[in-house]
Structure formats: structure tokens, C-alpha cells
Amino acid sequence: MSVETLTADMVLDTQGLSCPMPMLKTKKTMGKIESGKILEVIGTDPGSKNDIPEWCTKSGHELVGDKEENGVFHFFIKKS
């Protein structure tokens, strides 16, 4: 599935926040959405490139896509 065709059910904007805030906000927001829904996390913290995929693996959620545009990261996470 192409990132361009993904539609998020909820968007979390963490631009300008640095570690650990993007990860903490992602965890909190994932707790608010239903299983099977997709959360798009938008951020500028370079650490997120490793942190979010790693957290998805550990927590059982699926990273269905990600992209980077001009230093802005977009992660699409499907809740398990």
C-alpha cells in the first residue's frame, strides 16, 4: 500500500517537539482510537525515525507506512 493512498482516521501533530514528547503523545493518542484505525503522526524530531517503528514492533501495532518531506516525518500506525 502506497503512503500516498493511506487515509488516517486521526492525525497527531508533534512538529517542534523533541524526544520524548512525540513518543509520549503517540502512546497516549493510540489509547484513544479503536483497533484497526490508523493514526498519522507528523513530527520533526529526527529520533522519531527510530523510536516510532521500534515502539510499533514492541507494542504490537503495525507501521503501515512512513515518509519524510523536507525534514517533516509522517508515520502511519494501524492500531492492533
PDB file of N, CA and C in Angstrom:
ATOM      1  N   MET A   1       0.853  -1.191   0.000  1.00  0.00           N
ATOM      2  CA  MET A   1       0.000   0.000   0.000  1.00  0.00           C
ATOM      3  C   MET A   1       0.888   1.240   0.000  1.00  0.00           C
ATOM      4  N   SER A   2       0.615   2.148  -0.889  1.00  0.00           N
ATOM      5  CA  SER A   2       1.397   3.378  -1.002  1.00  0.00           C
ATOM      6  C   SER A   2       1.027   4.354   0.112  1.00  0.00           C
ATOM      7  N   VAL A   3       2.024   5.049   0.625  1.00  0.00           N
ATOM      8  CA  VAL A   3       1.788   6.057   1.658  1.00  0.00           C
ATOM      9  C   VAL A   3       0.844   7.135   1.132  1.00  0.00           C
ATOM     10  N   GLU A   4       0.945   7.404  -0.168  1.00  0.00           N
ATOM     11  CA  GLU A   4       0.117   8.450  -0.779  1.00  0.00           C
ATOM     12  C   GLU A   4      -1.370   8.100  -0.739  1.00  0.00           C
ATOM     13  N   THR A   5      -1.696   6.810  -0.679  1.00  0.00           N
ATOM     14  CA  THR A   5      -3.104   6.400  -0.683  1.00  0.00           C
ATOM     15  C   THR A   5      -3.640   6.112   0.714  1.00  0.00           C
ATOM     16  N   LEU A   6      -2.793   6.187   1.722  1.00  0.00           N
ATOM     17  CA  LEU A   6      -3.242   5.937   3.089  1.00  0.00           C
ATOM     18  C   LEU A   6      -4.099   7.091   3.596  1.00  0.00           C
ATOM     19  N   THR A   7      -5.152   6.747   4.298  1.00  0.00           N
ATOM     20  CA  THR A   7      -6.002   7.759   4.915  1.00  0.00           C
ATOM     21  C   THR A   7      -6.001   7.515   6.412  1.00  0.00           C
ATOM     22  N   ALA A   8      -5.604   8.517   7.159  1.00  0.00           N
ATOM     23  CA  ALA A   8      -5.559   8.391   8.615  1.00  0.00           C
ATOM     24  C   ALA A   8      -6.937   8.677   9.209  1.00  0.00           C
ATOM     25  N   ASP A   9      -7.263   7.931  10.258  1.00  0.00           N
ATOM     26  CA  ASP A   9      -8.510   8.163  10.986  1.00  0.00           C
ATOM     27  C   ASP A   9      -8.327   9.303  11.986  1.00  0.00           C
ATOM     28  N   MET A  10      -7.086   9.519  12.396  1.00  0.00           N
ATOM     29  CA  MET A  10      -6.757  10.595  13.327  1.00  0.00           C
ATOM     30  C   MET A  10      -5.345  11.071  13.011  1.00  0.00           C
ATOM     31  N   VAL A  11      -5.092  12.370  13.199  1.00  0.00           N
ATOM     32  CA  VAL A  11      -3.766  12.932  12.948  1.00  0.00           C
ATOM     33  C   VAL A  11      -3.239  13.548  14.236  1.00  0.00           C
ATOM     34  N   LEU A  12      -1.981  13.233  14.549  1.00  0.00           N
ATOM     35  CA  LEU A  12      -1.306  13.796  15.718  1.00  0.00           C
ATOM     36  C   LEU A  12      -0.122  14.611  15.210  1.00  0.00           C
ATOM     37  N   ASP A  13      -0.140  15.907  15.464  1.00  0.00           N
ATOM     38  CA  ASP A  13       0.943  16.797  15.021  1.00  0.00           C
ATOM     39  C   ASP A  13       1.896  17.047  16.180  1.00  0.00           C
ATOM     40  N   THR A  14       3.121  16.519  16.067  1.00  0.00           N
ATOM     41  CA  THR A  14       4.126  16.717  17.119  1.00  0.00           C
ATOM     42  C   THR A  14       5.289  17.573  16.613  1.00  0.00           C
ATOM     43  N   GLN A  15       5.071  18.336  15.550  1.00  0.00           N
ATOM     44  CA  GLN A  15       6.139  19.162  14.988  1.00  0.00           C
ATOM     45  C   GLN A  15       6.649  20.154  16.033  1.00  0.00           C
ATOM     46  N   GLY A  16       7.966  20.276  16.100  1.00  0.00           N
ATOM     47  CA  GLY A  16       8.580  21.210  17.039  1.00  0.00           C
ATOM     48  C   GLY A  16       8.863  20.599  18.406  1.00  0.00           C
ATOM     49  N   LEU A  17       8.299  19.428  18.675  1.00  0.00           N
ATOM     50  CA  LEU A  17       8.539  18.761  19.957  1.00  0.00           C
ATOM     51  C   LEU A  17       9.746  17.850  19.834  1.00  0.00           C
ATOM     52  N   SER A  18      10.514  17.742  20.919  1.00  0.00           N
ATOM     53  CA  SER A  18      11.665  16.854  20.882  1.00  0.00           C
ATOM     54  C   SER A  18      11.468  15.704  21.860  1.00  0.00           C
ATOM     55  N   CYS A  19      12.277  14.693  21.693  1.00  0.00           N
ATOM     56  CA  CYS A  19      12.220  13.470  22.477  1.00  0.00           C
ATOM     57  C   CYS A  19      12.200  13.809  23.968  1.00  0.00           C
ATOM     58  N   PRO A  20      11.334  13.199  24.757  1.00  0.00           N
ATOM     59  CA  PRO A  20      10.470  12.055  24.446  1.00  0.00           C
ATOM     60  C   PRO A  20       9.019  12.436  24.127  1.00  0.00           C
ATOM     61  N   MET A  21       8.717  13.708  23.956  1.00  0.00           N
ATOM     62  CA  MET A  21       7.327  14.145  23.801  1.00  0.00           C
ATOM     63  C   MET A  21       6.591  13.522  22.605  1.00  0.00           C
ATOM     64  N   PRO A  22       7.183  13.433  21.403  1.00  0.00           N
ATOM     65  CA  PRO A  22       6.434  12.818  20.302  1.00  0.00           C
ATOM     66  C   PRO A  22       6.000  11.380  20.621  1.00  0.00           C
ATOM     67  N   MET A  23       6.896  10.641  21.255  1.00  0.00           N
ATOM     68  CA  MET A  23       6.589   9.241  21.591  1.00  0.00           C
ATOM     69  C   MET A  23       5.510   9.162  22.672  1.00  0.00           C
ATOM     70  N   LEU A  24       5.607  10.004  23.683  1.00  0.00           N
ATOM     71  CA  LEU A  24       4.615  10.004  24.760  1.00  0.00           C
ATOM     72  C   LEU A  24       3.239  10.371  24.231  1.00  0.00           C
ATOM     73  N   LYS A  25       3.188  11.373  23.373  1.00  0.00           N
ATOM     74  CA  LYS A  25       1.906  11.796  22.795  1.00  0.00           C
ATOM     75  C   LYS A  25       1.342  10.718  21.868  1.00  0.00           C
ATOM     76  N   THR A  26       2.220  10.031  21.142  1.00  0.00           N
ATOM     77  CA  THR A  26       1.775   8.946  20.266  1.00  0.00           C
ATOM     78  C   THR A  26       1.138   7.835  21.086  1.00  0.00           C
ATOM     79  N   LYS A  27       1.803   7.425  22.164  1.00  0.00           N
ATOM     80  CA  LYS A  27       1.263   6.363  23.028  1.00  0.00           C
ATOM     81  C   LYS A  27      -0.102   6.756  23.579  1.00  0.00           C
ATOM     82  N   LYS A  28      -0.206   7.988  24.067  1.00  0.00           N
ATOM     83  CA  LYS A  28      -1.452   8.467  24.660  1.00  0.00           C
ATOM     84  C   LYS A  28      -2.579   8.494  23.624  1.00  0.00           C
ATOM     85  N   THR A  29      -2.276   8.986  22.427  1.00  0.00           N
ATOM     86  CA  THR A  29      -3.288   9.085  21.378  1.00  0.00           C
ATOM     87  C   THR A  29      -3.715   7.708  20.882  1.00  0.00           C
ATOM     88  N   MET A  30      -2.794   6.764  20.795  1.00  0.00           N
ATOM     89  CA  MET A  30      -3.145   5.407  20.363  1.00  0.00           C
ATOM     90  C   MET A  30      -4.164   4.783  21.319  1.00  0.00           C
ATOM     91  N   GLY A  31      -4.103   5.174  22.580  1.00  0.00           N
ATOM     92  CA  GLY A  31      -5.052   4.662  23.562  1.00  0.00           C
ATOM     93  C   GLY A  31      -6.467   5.172  23.346  1.00  0.00           C
ATOM     94  N   LYS A  32      -6.617   6.215  22.533  1.00  0.00           N
ATOM     95  CA  LYS A  32      -7.922   6.847  22.307  1.00  0.00           C
ATOM     96  C   LYS A  32      -8.629   6.357  21.049  1.00  0.00           C
ATOM     97  N   ILE A  33      -7.886   5.622  20.184  1.00  0.00           N
ATOM     98  CA  ILE A  33      -8.524   5.198  18.934  1.00  0.00           C
ATOM     99  C   ILE A  33      -8.844   3.703  18.972  1.00  0.00           C
ATOM    100  N   GLU A  34      -9.781   3.311  18.117  1.00  0.00           N
ATOM    101  CA  GLU A  34     -10.228   1.921  18.074  1.00  0.00           C
ATOM    102  C   GLU A  34      -9.240   1.045  17.321  1.00  0.00           C
ATOM    103  N   SER A  35      -9.261  -0.230  17.652  1.00  0.00           N
ATOM    104  CA  SER A  35      -8.439  -1.218  16.965  1.00  0.00           C
ATOM    105  C   SER A  35      -8.749  -1.197  15.468  1.00  0.00           C
ATOM    106  N   GLY A  36      -7.699  -1.272  14.648  1.00  0.00           N
ATOM    107  CA  GLY A  36      -7.866  -1.261  13.202  1.00  0.00           C
ATOM    108  C   GLY A  36      -7.816   0.118  12.572  1.00  0.00           C
ATOM    109  N   LYS A  37      -7.912   1.158  13.400  1.00  0.00           N
ATOM    110  CA  LYS A  37      -7.864   2.529  12.891  1.00  0.00           C
ATOM    111  C   LYS A  37      -6.404   2.943  12.678  1.00  0.00           C
ATOM    112  N   ILE A  38      -6.213   3.951  11.826  1.00  0.00           N
ATOM    113  CA  ILE A  38      -4.857   4.422  11.513  1.00  0.00           C
ATOM    114  C   ILE A  38      -4.624   5.821  12.074  1.00  0.00           C
ATOM    115  N   LEU A  39      -3.516   5.954  12.792  1.00  0.00           N
ATOM    116  CA  LEU A  39      -3.079   7.239  13.334  1.00  0.00           C
ATOM    117  C   LEU A  39      -1.904   7.727  12.488  1.00  0.00           C
ATOM    118  N   GLU A  40      -1.995   8.971  12.023  1.00  0.00           N
ATOM    119  CA  GLU A  40      -0.861   9.588  11.336  1.00  0.00           C
ATOM    120  C   GLU A  40      -0.162  10.491  12.337  1.00  0.00           C
ATOM    121  N   VAL A  41       1.123  10.237  12.557  1.00  0.00           N
ATOM    122  CA  VAL A  41       1.926  11.067  13.450  1.00  0.00           C
ATOM    123  C   VAL A  41       2.840  11.914  12.568  1.00  0.00           C
ATOM    124  N   ILE A  42       2.765  13.227  12.749  1.00  0.00           N
ATOM    125  CA  ILE A  42       3.603  14.157  11.990  1.00  0.00           C
ATOM    126  C   ILE A  42       4.594  14.775  12.972  1.00  0.00           C
ATOM    127  N   GLY A  43       5.864  14.750  12.632  1.00  0.00           N
ATOM    128  CA  GLY A  43       6.851  15.292  13.553  1.00  0.00           C
ATOM    129  C   GLY A  43       8.127  15.735  12.868  1.00  0.00           C
ATOM    130  N   THR A  44       8.952  16.427  13.637  1.00  0.00           N
ATOM    131  CA  THR A  44      10.222  16.934  13.121  1.00  0.00           C
ATOM    132  C   THR A  44      11.421  16.412  13.915  1.00  0.00           C
ATOM    133  N   ASP A  45      11.182  15.634  14.966  1.00  0.00           N
ATOM    134  CA  ASP A  45      12.274  15.101  15.785  1.00  0.00           C
ATOM    135  C   ASP A  45      12.945  13.940  15.051  1.00  0.00           C
ATOM    136  N   PRO A  46      14.237  14.081  14.691  1.00  0.00           N
ATOM    137  CA  PRO A  46      14.936  13.015  13.960  1.00  0.00           C
ATOM    138  C   PRO A  46      14.925  11.673  14.700  1.00  0.00           C
ATOM    139  N   GLY A  47      14.852  11.705  16.018  1.00  0.00           N
ATOM    140  CA  GLY A  47      14.829  10.474  16.810  1.00  0.00           C
ATOM    141  C   GLY A  47      13.598   9.629  16.539  1.00  0.00           C
ATOM    142  N   SER A  48      12.548  10.269  16.053  1.00  0.00           N
ATOM    143  CA  SER A  48      11.301   9.557  15.763  1.00  0.00           C
ATOM    144  C   SER A  48      11.490   8.498  14.682  1.00  0.00           C
ATOM    145  N   LYS A  49      12.458   8.714  13.779  1.00  0.00           N
ATOM    146  CA  LYS A  49      12.697   7.763  12.691  1.00  0.00           C
ATOM    147  C   LYS A  49      13.019   6.377  13.229  1.00  0.00           C
ATOM    148  N   ASN A  50      13.642   6.317  14.392  1.00  0.00           N
ATOM    149  CA  ASN A  50      13.949   5.036  15.029  1.00  0.00           C
ATOM    150  C   ASN A  50      12.921   4.693  16.098  1.00  0.00           C
ATOM    151  N   ASP A  51      12.539   5.696  16.890  1.00  0.00           N
ATOM    152  CA  ASP A  51      11.672   5.461  18.051  1.00  0.00           C
ATOM    153  C   ASP A  51      10.302   4.905  17.684  1.00  0.00           C
ATOM    154  N   ILE A  52       9.648   5.502  16.717  1.00  0.00           N
ATOM    155  CA  ILE A  52       8.271   5.106  16.395  1.00  0.00           C
ATOM    156  C   ILE A  52       8.208   3.695  15.794  1.00  0.00           C
ATOM    157  N   PRO A  53       9.022   3.369  14.776  1.00  0.00           N
ATOM    158  CA  PRO A  53       8.973   1.986  14.267  1.00  0.00           C
ATOM    159  C   PRO A  53       9.304   0.946  15.344  1.00  0.00           C
ATOM    160  N   GLU A  54      10.283   1.265  16.197  1.00  0.00           N
ATOM    161  CA  GLU A  54      10.675   0.348  17.271  1.00  0.00           C
ATOM    162  C   GLU A  54       9.525   0.158  18.257  1.00  0.00           C
ATOM    163  N   TRP A  55       8.863   1.245  18.614  1.00  0.00           N
ATOM    164  CA  TRP A  55       7.738   1.174  19.540  1.00  0.00           C
ATOM    165  C   TRP A  55       6.598   0.359  18.932  1.00  0.00           C
ATOM    166  N   CYS A  56       6.333   0.544  17.640  1.00  0.00           N
ATOM    167  CA  CYS A  56       5.272  -0.225  16.970  1.00  0.00           C
ATOM    168  C   CYS A  56       5.545  -1.722  17.089  1.00  0.00           C
ATOM    169  N   THR A  57       6.784  -2.117  16.847  1.00  0.00           N
ATOM    170  CA  THR A  57       7.165  -3.526  16.938  1.00  0.00           C
ATOM    171  C   THR A  57       6.948  -4.052  18.355  1.00  0.00           C
ATOM    172  N   LYS A  58       7.392  -3.299  19.351  1.00  0.00           N
ATOM    173  CA  LYS A  58       7.273  -3.726  20.752  1.00  0.00           C
ATOM    174  C   LYS A  58       5.829  -3.754  21.241  1.00  0.00           C
ATOM    175  N   SER A  59       5.010  -2.825  20.748  1.00  0.00           N
ATOM    176  CA  SER A  59       3.645  -2.691  21.262  1.00  0.00           C
ATOM    177  C   SER A  59       2.624  -3.496  20.460  1.00  0.00           C
ATOM    178  N   GLY A  60       3.052  -4.054  19.327  1.00  0.00           N
ATOM    179  CA  GLY A  60       2.151  -4.873  18.526  1.00  0.00           C
ATOM    180  C   GLY A  60       1.326  -4.105  17.509  1.00  0.00           C
ATOM    181  N   HIS A  61       1.554  -2.792  17.401  1.00  0.00           N
ATOM    182  CA  HIS A  61       0.853  -2.011  16.387  1.00  0.00           C
ATOM    183  C   HIS A  61       1.632  -2.131  15.082  1.00  0.00           C
ATOM    184  N   GLU A  62       0.962  -1.841  13.959  1.00  0.00           N
ATOM    185  CA  GLU A  62       1.601  -2.006  12.659  1.00  0.00           C
ATOM    186  C   GLU A  62       1.918  -0.659  12.019  1.00  0.00           C
ATOM    187  N   LEU A  63       3.191  -0.461  11.710  1.00  0.00           N
ATOM    188  CA  LEU A  63       3.592   0.732  10.963  1.00  0.00           C
ATOM    189  C   LEU A  63       3.295   0.429   9.498  1.00  0.00           C
ATOM    190  N   VAL A  64       2.196   0.991   8.984  1.00  0.00           N
ATOM    191  CA  VAL A  64       1.767   0.659   7.624  1.00  0.00           C
ATOM    192  C   VAL A  64       2.419   1.544   6.570  1.00  0.00           C
ATOM    193  N   GLY A  65       3.085   2.610   7.008  1.00  0.00           N
ATOM    194  CA  GLY A  65       3.795   3.456   6.058  1.00  0.00           C
ATOM    195  C   GLY A  65       4.448   4.628   6.744  1.00  0.00           C
ATOM    196  N   ASP A  66       5.464   5.173   6.094  1.00  0.00           N
ATOM    197  CA  ASP A  66       6.107   6.385   6.591  1.00  0.00           C
ATOM    198  C   ASP A  66       6.749   7.113   5.415  1.00  0.00           C
ATOM    199  N   LYS A  67       6.921   8.406   5.594  1.00  0.00           N
ATOM    200  CA  LYS A  67       7.579   9.214   4.569  1.00  0.00           C
ATOM    201  C   LYS A  67       8.220  10.424   5.234  1.00  0.00           C
ATOM    202  N   GLU A  68       9.159  11.020   4.523  1.00  0.00           N
ATOM    203  CA  GLU A  68       9.835  12.228   5.009  1.00  0.00           C
ATOM    204  C   GLU A  68       9.801  13.258   3.893  1.00  0.00           C
ATOM    205  N   GLU A  69       9.371  14.468   4.240  1.00  0.00           N
ATOM    206  CA  GLU A  69       9.344  15.567   3.283  1.00  0.00           C
ATOM    207  C   GLU A  69       9.932  16.804   3.938  1.00  0.00           C
ATOM    208  N   ASN A  70      11.061  17.268   3.441  1.00  0.00           N
ATOM    209  CA  ASN A  70      11.693  18.492   3.950  1.00  0.00           C
ATOM    210  C   ASN A  70      11.873  18.493   5.465  1.00  0.00           C
ATOM    211  N   GLY A  71      12.339  17.363   6.002  1.00  0.00           N
ATOM    212  CA  GLY A  71      12.598  17.279   7.441  1.00  0.00           C
ATOM    213  C   GLY A  71      11.360  17.045   8.287  1.00  0.00           C
ATOM    214  N   VAL A  72      10.220  16.819   7.650  1.00  0.00           N
ATOM    215  CA  VAL A  72       8.989  16.512   8.385  1.00  0.00           C
ATOM    216  C   VAL A  72       8.660  15.039   8.141  1.00  0.00           C
ATOM    217  N   PHE A  73       8.488  14.301   9.231  1.00  0.00           N
ATOM    218  CA  PHE A  73       8.230  12.867   9.149  1.00  0.00           C
ATOM    219  C   PHE A  73       6.741  12.594   9.314  1.00  0.00           C
ATOM    220  N   HIS A  74       6.262  11.621   8.544  1.00  0.00           N
ATOM    221  CA  HIS A  74       4.870  11.176   8.639  1.00  0.00           C
ATOM    222  C   HIS A  74       4.893   9.670   8.878  1.00  0.00           C
ATOM    223  N   PHE A  75       4.276   9.235   9.974  1.00  0.00           N
ATOM    224  CA  PHE A  75       4.195   7.810  10.288  1.00  0.00           C
ATOM    225  C   PHE A  75       2.711   7.427  10.320  1.00  0.00           C
ATOM    226  N   PHE A  76       2.378   6.322   9.681  1.00  0.00           N
ATOM    227  CA  PHE A  76       1.003   5.827   9.661  1.00  0.00           C
ATOM    228  C   PHE A  76       0.985   4.523  10.452  1.00  0.00           C
ATOM    229  N   ILE A  77       0.308   4.559  11.606  1.00  0.00           N
ATOM    230  CA  ILE A  77       0.310   3.433  12.530  1.00  0.00           C
ATOM    231  C   ILE A  77      -1.094   2.864  12.652  1.00  0.00           C
ATOM    232  N   LYS A  78      -1.225   1.563  12.367  1.00  0.00           N
ATOM    233  CA  LYS A  78      -2.506   0.875  12.497  1.00  0.00           C
ATOM    234  C   LYS A  78      -2.574   0.240  13.874  1.00  0.00           C
ATOM    235  N   LYS A  79      -3.600   0.591  14.629  1.00  0.00           N
ATOM    236  CA  LYS A  79      -3.735   0.061  15.986  1.00  0.00           C
ATOM    237  C   LYS A  79      -4.105  -1.416  15.940  1.00  0.00           C
ATOM    238  N   SER A  80      -3.421  -2.212  16.769  1.00  0.00           N
ATOM    239  CA  SER A  80      -3.686  -3.653  16.804  1.00  0.00           C
ATOM    240  C   SER A  80      -4.974  -3.958  17.533  1.00  0.00           C
TER     241      SER A  80
END
